[in-house]
Amino acid sequence: MSDPQSPDPQLPNPPPPPSGNMLGCALFTIGALILIPSGLCTAAGVIMFVMEMFEDPQQLVTNLGDILPFAAMTLIPLAIGIALVWTAWRTRRQ
């Protein structure tokens, strides 16, 4: 008979506990809370700029100074949200 204290060689090693699961969930939540509103705002602004381009091209030329602040206010948070969600996915895969 075999010794009950010795490990059974046929049983595989148990998988290691998931690491970074809580951190990944937190990063994903924060990233999604940033990504969704900034993405909607970016889409609404782009739609308004395209509509303005078709309605009155001369007015668009005079309002080109509005594009840089619009891009800064929408694309920077969008990039931060994308980076947080990507980091969350990378953290949870390990």
Protein backbone atom coordinates (compact mmCIF):
# COMPACT_ATOMS: atom_id res chain seq x y z
CA MET A 1 0.00 0.00 0.00
CA SER A 2 1.10 3.50 -0.62
CA ASP A 3 1.83 6.01 2.08
CA PRO A 4 -1.13 8.45 2.53
CA GLN A 5 1.31 11.29 3.20
CA SER A 6 3.10 11.03 -0.16
CA PRO A 7 1.65 13.02 -3.07
CA ASP A 8 0.06 11.08 -5.89
CA PRO A 9 2.32 11.37 -8.97
CA GLN A 10 -0.66 11.12 -11.36
CA LEU A 11 -2.42 14.26 -10.05
CA PRO A 12 -1.36 17.42 -11.90
CA ASN A 13 -0.09 20.39 -9.98
CA PRO A 14 -2.90 22.79 -9.09
CA PRO A 15 -2.89 25.99 -11.14
CA PRO A 16 -1.48 29.03 -9.40
CA PRO A 17 -4.02 31.47 -8.00
CA PRO A 18 -4.91 34.25 -10.43
CA SER A 19 -2.74 37.26 -9.90
CA GLY A 20 -3.78 40.81 -10.55
CA ASN A 21 -7.46 39.96 -10.84
CA MET A 22 -8.62 42.67 -8.46
CA LEU A 23 -6.23 45.24 -9.94
CA GLY A 24 -7.38 44.35 -13.45
CA CYS A 25 -11.03 44.78 -12.50
CA ALA A 26 -10.32 48.15 -10.90
CA LEU A 27 -8.32 49.38 -13.90
CA PHE A 28 -11.01 48.19 -16.29
CA THR A 29 -13.76 49.94 -14.33
CA ILE A 30 -11.90 53.23 -14.10
CA GLY A 31 -10.86 53.01 -17.75
CA ALA A 32 -14.40 52.28 -18.91
CA LEU A 33 -15.77 55.17 -16.85
CA ILE A 34 -13.32 57.48 -18.62
CA LEU A 35 -13.51 55.86 -22.05
CA ILE A 36 -17.28 55.77 -22.59
CA PRO A 37 -18.14 59.45 -21.90
CA SER A 38 -15.06 60.77 -23.70
CA GLY A 39 -15.77 58.50 -26.66
CA LEU A 40 -19.34 59.73 -26.88
CA CYS A 41 -18.18 63.34 -26.61
CA THR A 42 -15.58 62.80 -29.33
CA ALA A 43 -18.16 61.20 -31.62
CA ALA A 44 -20.65 64.03 -31.04
CA GLY A 45 -17.99 66.66 -31.72
CA VAL A 46 -16.80 64.96 -34.90
CA ILE A 47 -20.39 64.69 -36.15
CA MET A 48 -20.93 68.40 -35.44
CA PHE A 49 -17.71 69.36 -37.25
CA VAL A 50 -18.67 67.25 -40.27
CA MET A 51 -22.16 68.76 -40.35
CA GLU A 52 -20.67 72.25 -40.12
CA MET A 53 -18.27 71.41 -42.95
CA PHE A 54 -21.17 70.53 -45.25
CA GLU A 55 -23.46 73.37 -44.16
CA ASP A 56 -21.04 76.30 -44.32
CA PRO A 57 -17.43 75.62 -45.31
CA GLN A 58 -16.45 79.27 -44.84
CA GLN A 59 -17.60 79.21 -41.22
CA LEU A 60 -15.52 76.07 -40.66
CA VAL A 61 -12.40 77.86 -41.89
CA THR A 62 -12.95 80.65 -39.37
CA ASN A 63 -13.55 78.13 -36.57
CA LEU A 64 -10.39 76.08 -37.13
CA GLY A 65 -9.04 77.47 -33.86
CA ASP A 66 -11.70 75.44 -32.06
CA ILE A 67 -10.33 72.11 -33.26
CA LEU A 68 -7.21 72.06 -31.06
CA PRO A 69 -9.04 72.67 -27.75
CA PHE A 70 -11.70 70.16 -28.82
CA ALA A 71 -9.04 67.58 -29.57
CA ALA A 72 -7.29 68.21 -26.26
CA MET A 73 -10.50 67.96 -24.25
CA THR A 74 -11.70 64.76 -25.90
CA LEU A 75 -8.77 62.81 -27.28
CA ILE A 76 -6.50 63.00 -24.22
CA PRO A 77 -9.09 61.42 -21.86
CA LEU A 78 -9.97 58.96 -24.63
CA ALA A 79 -6.32 57.88 -24.86
CA ILE A 80 -6.08 57.57 -21.06
CA GLY A 81 -9.22 55.41 -20.96
CA ILE A 82 -7.93 53.19 -23.76
CA ALA A 83 -4.59 52.80 -21.98
CA LEU A 84 -6.30 51.85 -18.69
CA VAL A 85 -8.58 49.29 -20.35
CA TRP A 86 -5.63 47.81 -22.28
CA THR A 87 -3.58 47.61 -19.08
CA ALA A 88 -6.48 45.92 -17.32
CA TRP A 89 -6.71 43.26 -20.03
CA ARG A 90 -2.96 42.68 -19.89
CA THR A 91 -3.05 42.43 -16.07
CA ARG A 92 -5.92 39.95 -16.00
CA ARG A 93 -4.36 37.62 -18.62
CA GLN A 94 -1.29 36.85 -16.53
